[in-house]
PDB file of N, CA and C in Angstrom:
ATOM      1  N   MET A   1      -7.066  -0.061  15.720  1.00  0.00           N
ATOM      2  CA  MET A   1      -6.351   0.770  16.677  1.00  0.00           C
ATOM      3  C   MET A   1      -4.950   0.221  16.897  1.00  0.00           C
ATOM      4  N   ILE A   2      -4.036   1.120  17.116  1.00  0.00           N
ATOM      5  CA  ILE A   2      -2.697   0.748  17.538  1.00  0.00           C
ATOM      6  C   ILE A   2      -2.460   1.399  18.885  1.00  0.00           C
ATOM      7  N   GLY A   3      -1.337   1.099  19.494  1.00  0.00           N
ATOM      8  CA  GLY A   3      -1.062   1.572  20.848  1.00  0.00           C
ATOM      9  C   GLY A   3      -1.227   3.060  21.058  1.00  0.00           C
ATOM     10  N   ASP A   4      -0.903   3.861  20.037  1.00  0.00           N
ATOM     11  CA  ASP A   4      -0.957   5.316  20.221  1.00  0.00           C
ATOM     12  C   ASP A   4      -1.989   5.988  19.315  1.00  0.00           C
ATOM     13  N   GLY A   5      -3.021   5.251  18.886  1.00  0.00           N
ATOM     14  CA  GLY A   5      -4.067   5.868  18.084  1.00  0.00           C
ATOM     15  C   GLY A   5      -4.518   4.985  16.939  1.00  0.00           C
ATOM     16  N   VAL A   6      -5.094   5.596  15.909  1.00  0.00           N
ATOM     17  CA  VAL A   6      -5.616   4.880  14.750  1.00  0.00           C
ATOM     18  C   VAL A   6      -4.530   4.780  13.684  1.00  0.00           C
ATOM     19  N   LEU A   7      -4.388   3.608  13.091  1.00  0.00           N
ATOM     20  CA  LEU A   7      -3.410   3.382  12.038  1.00  0.00           C
ATOM     21  C   LEU A   7      -3.836   4.118  10.776  1.00  0.00           C
ATOM     22  N   SER A   8      -2.888   4.737  10.101  1.00  0.00           N
ATOM     23  CA  SER A   8      -3.164   5.487   8.886  1.00  0.00           C
ATOM     24  C   SER A   8      -3.793   4.588   7.822  1.00  0.00           C
ATOM     25  N   GLU A   9      -4.756   5.118   7.096  1.00  0.00           N
ATOM     26  CA  GLU A   9      -5.417   4.356   6.035  1.00  0.00           C
ATOM     27  C   GLU A   9      -4.504   4.084   4.852  1.00  0.00           C
ATOM     28  N   LYS A  10      -3.342   4.727   4.797  1.00  0.00           N
ATOM     29  CA  LYS A  10      -2.420   4.483   3.684  1.00  0.00           C
ATOM     30  C   LYS A  10      -1.902   3.047   3.678  1.00  0.00           C
ATOM     31  N   TYR A  11      -2.034   2.328   4.799  1.00  0.00           N
ATOM     32  CA  TYR A  11      -1.557   0.953   4.883  1.00  0.00           C
ATOM     33  C   TYR A  11      -2.577  -0.066   4.373  1.00  0.00           C
ATOM     34  N   HIS A  12      -3.821   0.335   4.148  1.00  0.00           N
ATOM     35  CA  HIS A  12      -4.869  -0.532   3.609  1.00  0.00           C
ATOM     36  C   HIS A  12      -5.003  -1.838   4.399  1.00  0.00           C
ATOM     37  N   LEU A  13      -5.075  -1.736   5.705  1.00  0.00           N
ATOM     38  CA  LEU A  13      -5.201  -2.903   6.571  1.00  0.00           C
ATOM     39  C   LEU A  13      -6.601  -3.004   7.148  1.00  0.00           C
ATOM     40  N   GLU A  14      -7.012  -4.225   7.423  1.00  0.00           N
ATOM     41  CA  GLU A  14      -8.294  -4.464   8.071  1.00  0.00           C
ATOM     42  C   GLU A  14      -8.054  -5.258   9.347  1.00  0.00           C
ATOM     43  N   GLU A  15      -8.668  -4.831  10.432  1.00  0.00           N
ATOM     44  CA  GLU A  15      -8.544  -5.541  11.699  1.00  0.00           C
ATOM     45  C   GLU A  15      -9.344  -6.841  11.632  1.00  0.00           C
ATOM     46  N   MET A  16      -8.763  -7.920  12.147  1.00  0.00           N
ATOM     47  CA  MET A  16      -9.477  -9.195  12.171  1.00  0.00           C
ATOM     48  C   MET A  16     -10.522  -9.187  13.280  1.00  0.00           C
ATOM     49  N   THR A  17     -11.582  -9.944  13.079  1.00  0.00           N
ATOM     50  CA  THR A  17     -12.656  -9.991  14.061  1.00  0.00           C
ATOM     51  C   THR A  17     -12.398 -11.007  15.161  1.00  0.00           C
ATOM     52  N   THR A  18     -11.333 -11.794  15.057  1.00  0.00           N
ATOM     53  CA  THR A  18     -11.042 -12.813  16.049  1.00  0.00           C
ATOM     54  C   THR A  18      -9.989 -12.343  17.052  1.00  0.00           C
ATOM     55  N   ASN A  19     -10.068 -12.870  18.250  1.00  0.00           N
ATOM     56  CA  ASN A  19      -9.040 -12.617  19.255  1.00  0.00           C
ATOM     57  C   ASN A  19      -8.036 -13.768  19.308  1.00  0.00           C
ATOM     58  N   SER A  20      -8.196 -14.761  18.422  1.00  0.00           N
ATOM     59  CA  SER A  20      -7.347 -15.946  18.418  1.00  0.00           C
ATOM     60  C   SER A  20      -5.943 -15.599  17.905  1.00  0.00           C
ATOM     61  N   TYR A  21      -4.954 -15.733  18.778  1.00  0.00           N
ATOM     62  CA  TYR A  21      -3.569 -15.481  18.389  1.00  0.00           C
ATOM     63  C   TYR A  21      -3.159 -16.418  17.264  1.00  0.00           C
ATOM     64  N   GLN A  22      -3.560 -17.685  17.345  1.00  0.00           N
ATOM     65  CA  GLN A  22      -3.226 -18.692  16.327  1.00  0.00           C
ATOM     66  C   GLN A  22      -3.752 -18.275  14.955  1.00  0.00           C
ATOM     67  N   LYS A  23      -5.008 -17.862  14.880  1.00  0.00           N
ATOM     68  CA  LYS A  23      -5.611 -17.485  13.598  1.00  0.00           C
ATOM     69  C   LYS A  23      -4.995 -16.210  13.040  1.00  0.00           C
ATOM     70  N   ARG A  24      -4.703 -15.238  13.902  1.00  0.00           N
ATOM     71  CA  ARG A  24      -4.074 -13.995  13.433  1.00  0.00           C
ATOM     72  C   ARG A  24      -2.674 -14.260  12.913  1.00  0.00           C
ATOM     73  N   THR A  25      -1.919 -15.107  13.610  1.00  0.00           N
ATOM     74  CA  THR A  25      -0.560 -15.429  13.180  1.00  0.00           C
ATOM     75  C   THR A  25      -0.585 -16.165  11.850  1.00  0.00           C
ATOM     76  N   GLU A  26      -1.486 -17.132  11.712  1.00  0.00           N
ATOM     77  CA  GLU A  26      -1.581 -17.869  10.453  1.00  0.00           C
ATOM     78  C   GLU A  26      -1.956 -16.937   9.299  1.00  0.00           C
ATOM     79  N   LYS A  27      -2.861 -15.999   9.522  1.00  0.00           N
ATOM     80  CA  LYS A  27      -3.242 -15.027   8.491  1.00  0.00           C
ATOM     81  C   LYS A  27      -2.053 -14.163   8.100  1.00  0.00           C
ATOM     82  N   ASN A  28      -1.239 -13.769   9.069  1.00  0.00           N
ATOM     83  CA  ASN A  28      -0.037 -12.989   8.771  1.00  0.00           C
ATOM     84  C   ASN A  28       0.925 -13.781   7.898  1.00  0.00           C
ATOM     85  N   VAL A  29       1.087 -15.062   8.177  1.00  0.00           N
ATOM     86  CA  VAL A  29       1.970 -15.916   7.377  1.00  0.00           C
ATOM     87  C   VAL A  29       1.430 -16.037   5.959  1.00  0.00           C
ATOM     88  N   VAL A  30       0.136 -16.300   5.823  1.00  0.00           N
ATOM     89  CA  VAL A  30      -0.479 -16.468   4.513  1.00  0.00           C
ATOM     90  C   VAL A  30      -0.339 -15.201   3.668  1.00  0.00           C
ATOM     91  N   ASP A  31      -0.524 -14.039   4.290  1.00  0.00           N
ATOM     92  CA  ASP A  31      -0.535 -12.767   3.559  1.00  0.00           C
ATOM     93  C   ASP A  31       0.843 -12.149   3.342  1.00  0.00           C
ATOM     94  N   SER A  32       1.895 -12.759   3.843  1.00  0.00           N
ATOM     95  CA  SER A  32       3.216 -12.150   3.730  1.00  0.00           C
ATOM     96  C   SER A  32       4.110 -12.927   2.772  1.00  0.00           C
ATOM     97  N   ASP A  33       5.212 -12.299   2.379  1.00  0.00           N
ATOM     98  CA  ASP A  33       6.217 -12.964   1.546  1.00  0.00           C
ATOM     99  C   ASP A  33       7.133 -13.829   2.398  1.00  0.00           C
ATOM    100  N   ASP A  34       7.535 -13.323   3.531  1.00  0.00           N
ATOM    101  CA  ASP A  34       8.402 -14.028   4.482  1.00  0.00           C
ATOM    102  C   ASP A  34       7.926 -13.698   5.886  1.00  0.00           C
ATOM    103  N   THR A  35       8.141 -14.633   6.823  1.00  0.00           N
ATOM    104  CA  THR A  35       7.703 -14.425   8.200  1.00  0.00           C
ATOM    105  C   THR A  35       8.741 -14.965   9.169  1.00  0.00           C
ATOM    106  N   VAL A  36       8.988 -14.231  10.244  1.00  0.00           N
ATOM    107  CA  VAL A  36       9.798 -14.714  11.352  1.00  0.00           C
ATOM    108  C   VAL A  36       8.858 -14.863  12.547  1.00  0.00           C
ATOM    109  N   ILE A  37       8.836 -16.059  13.148  1.00  0.00           N
ATOM    110  CA  ILE A  37       7.971 -16.321  14.296  1.00  0.00           C
ATOM    111  C   ILE A  37       8.838 -16.737  15.470  1.00  0.00           C
ATOM    112  N   TYR A  38       8.740 -16.009  16.566  1.00  0.00           N
ATOM    113  CA  TYR A  38       9.444 -16.324  17.806  1.00  0.00           C
ATOM    114  C   TYR A  38       8.458 -17.035  18.726  1.00  0.00           C
ATOM    115  N   THR A  39       8.829 -18.200  19.221  1.00  0.00           N
ATOM    116  CA  THR A  39       7.938 -18.936  20.111  1.00  0.00           C
ATOM    117  C   THR A  39       8.692 -19.444  21.331  1.00  0.00           C
ATOM    118  N   HIS A  40       7.937 -20.015  22.230  1.00  0.00           N
ATOM    119  CA  HIS A  40       8.480 -20.730  23.392  1.00  0.00           C
ATOM    120  C   HIS A  40       7.986 -22.167  23.300  1.00  0.00           C
ATOM    121  N   GLY A  41       8.227 -22.801  22.161  1.00  0.00           N
ATOM    122  CA  GLY A  41       7.776 -24.176  21.967  1.00  0.00           C
ATOM    123  C   GLY A  41       7.438 -24.459  20.525  1.00  0.00           C
ATOM    124  N   LYS A  42       6.612 -25.470  20.326  1.00  0.00           N
ATOM    125  CA  LYS A  42       6.273 -25.975  19.001  1.00  0.00           C
ATOM    126  C   LYS A  42       5.483 -24.962  18.182  1.00  0.00           C
ATOM    127  N   LEU A  43       5.813 -24.904  16.902  1.00  0.00           N
ATOM    128  CA  LEU A  43       5.071 -24.078  15.953  1.00  0.00           C
ATOM    129  C   LEU A  43       3.982 -24.935  15.335  1.00  0.00           C
ATOM    130  N   THR A  44       2.730 -24.489  15.393  1.00  0.00           N
ATOM    131  CA  THR A  44       1.617 -25.310  14.915  1.00  0.00           C
ATOM    132  C   THR A  44       1.044 -24.821  13.593  1.00  0.00           C
ATOM    133  N   ILE A  45       1.646 -23.818  12.997  1.00  0.00           N
ATOM    134  CA  ILE A  45       1.180 -23.305  11.711  1.00  0.00           C
ATOM    135  C   ILE A  45       1.906 -24.053  10.603  1.00  0.00           C
ATOM    136  N   GLU A  46       1.135 -24.571   9.641  1.00  0.00           N
ATOM    137  CA  GLU A  46       1.737 -25.281   8.522  1.00  0.00           C
ATOM    138  C   GLU A  46       1.228 -24.676   7.220  1.00  0.00           C
ATOM    139  N   GLN A  47       2.040 -23.864   6.593  1.00  0.00           N
ATOM    140  CA  GLN A  47       1.728 -23.255   5.303  1.00  0.00           C
ATOM    141  C   GLN A  47       2.908 -23.502   4.373  1.00  0.00           C
ATOM    142  N   ASN A  48       2.650 -23.501   3.097  1.00  0.00           N
ATOM    143  CA  ASN A  48       3.729 -23.642   2.119  1.00  0.00           C
ATOM    144  C   ASN A  48       4.289 -22.261   1.798  1.00  0.00           C
ATOM    145  N   LYS A  49       4.795 -21.605   2.828  1.00  0.00           N
ATOM    146  CA  LYS A  49       5.346 -20.261   2.717  1.00  0.00           C
ATOM    147  C   LYS A  49       6.676 -20.231   3.463  1.00  0.00           C
ATOM    148  N   PRO A  50       7.588 -19.321   3.068  1.00  0.00           N
ATOM    149  CA  PRO A  50       8.847 -19.202   3.808  1.00  0.00           C
ATOM    150  C   PRO A  50       8.600 -18.714   5.236  1.00  0.00           C
ATOM    151  N   VAL A  51       9.023 -19.495   6.217  1.00  0.00           N
ATOM    152  CA  VAL A  51       8.867 -19.141   7.623  1.00  0.00           C
ATOM    153  C   VAL A  51      10.165 -19.460   8.351  1.00  0.00           C
ATOM    154  N   LEU A  52      10.671 -18.506   9.107  1.00  0.00           N
ATOM    155  CA  LEU A  52      11.806 -18.742   9.981  1.00  0.00           C
ATOM    156  C   LEU A  52      11.247 -18.859  11.389  1.00  0.00           C
ATOM    157  N   HIS A  53      11.361 -20.044  11.985  1.00  0.00           N
ATOM    158  CA  HIS A  53      10.842 -20.291  13.322  1.00  0.00           C
ATOM    159  C   HIS A  53      11.999 -20.279  14.308  1.00  0.00           C
ATOM    160  N   LEU A  54      11.979 -19.347  15.245  1.00  0.00           N
ATOM    161  CA  LEU A  54      13.009 -19.247  16.278  1.00  0.00           C
ATOM    162  C   LEU A  54      12.374 -19.620  17.611  1.00  0.00           C
ATOM    163  N   ASP A  55      12.783 -20.762  18.144  1.00  0.00           N
ATOM    164  CA  ASP A  55      12.234 -21.289  19.391  1.00  0.00           C
ATOM    165  C   ASP A  55      13.147 -20.922  20.551  1.00  0.00           C
ATOM    166  N   ALA A  56      12.643 -20.166  21.511  1.00  0.00           N
ATOM    167  CA  ALA A  56      13.426 -19.717  22.656  1.00  0.00           C
ATOM    168  C   ALA A  56      13.826 -20.874  23.559  1.00  0.00           C
ATOM    169  N   HIS A  57      13.174 -22.033  23.445  1.00  0.00           N
ATOM    170  CA  HIS A  57      13.496 -23.184  24.268  1.00  0.00           C
ATOM    171  C   HIS A  57      14.611 -24.049  23.673  1.00  0.00           C
ATOM    172  N   SER A  58      15.019 -23.753  22.451  1.00  0.00           N
ATOM    173  CA  SER A  58      16.061 -24.566  21.796  1.00  0.00           C
ATOM    174  C   SER A  58      17.448 -24.126  22.214  1.00  0.00           C
TER     175      SER A  58
END
């Protein structure tokens, strides 16, 4: 589900069974080519993937 209904099947996405923000974010990083992550502190995800980390506290 998305905010205004069901996401079109043309995107071939599967909803994760976890409510863990950390696990969902890490899965997004693993499955993407590039990722931008906005945080309010330390980034705890460590993957060998291109990640741009923008910390609002810096």
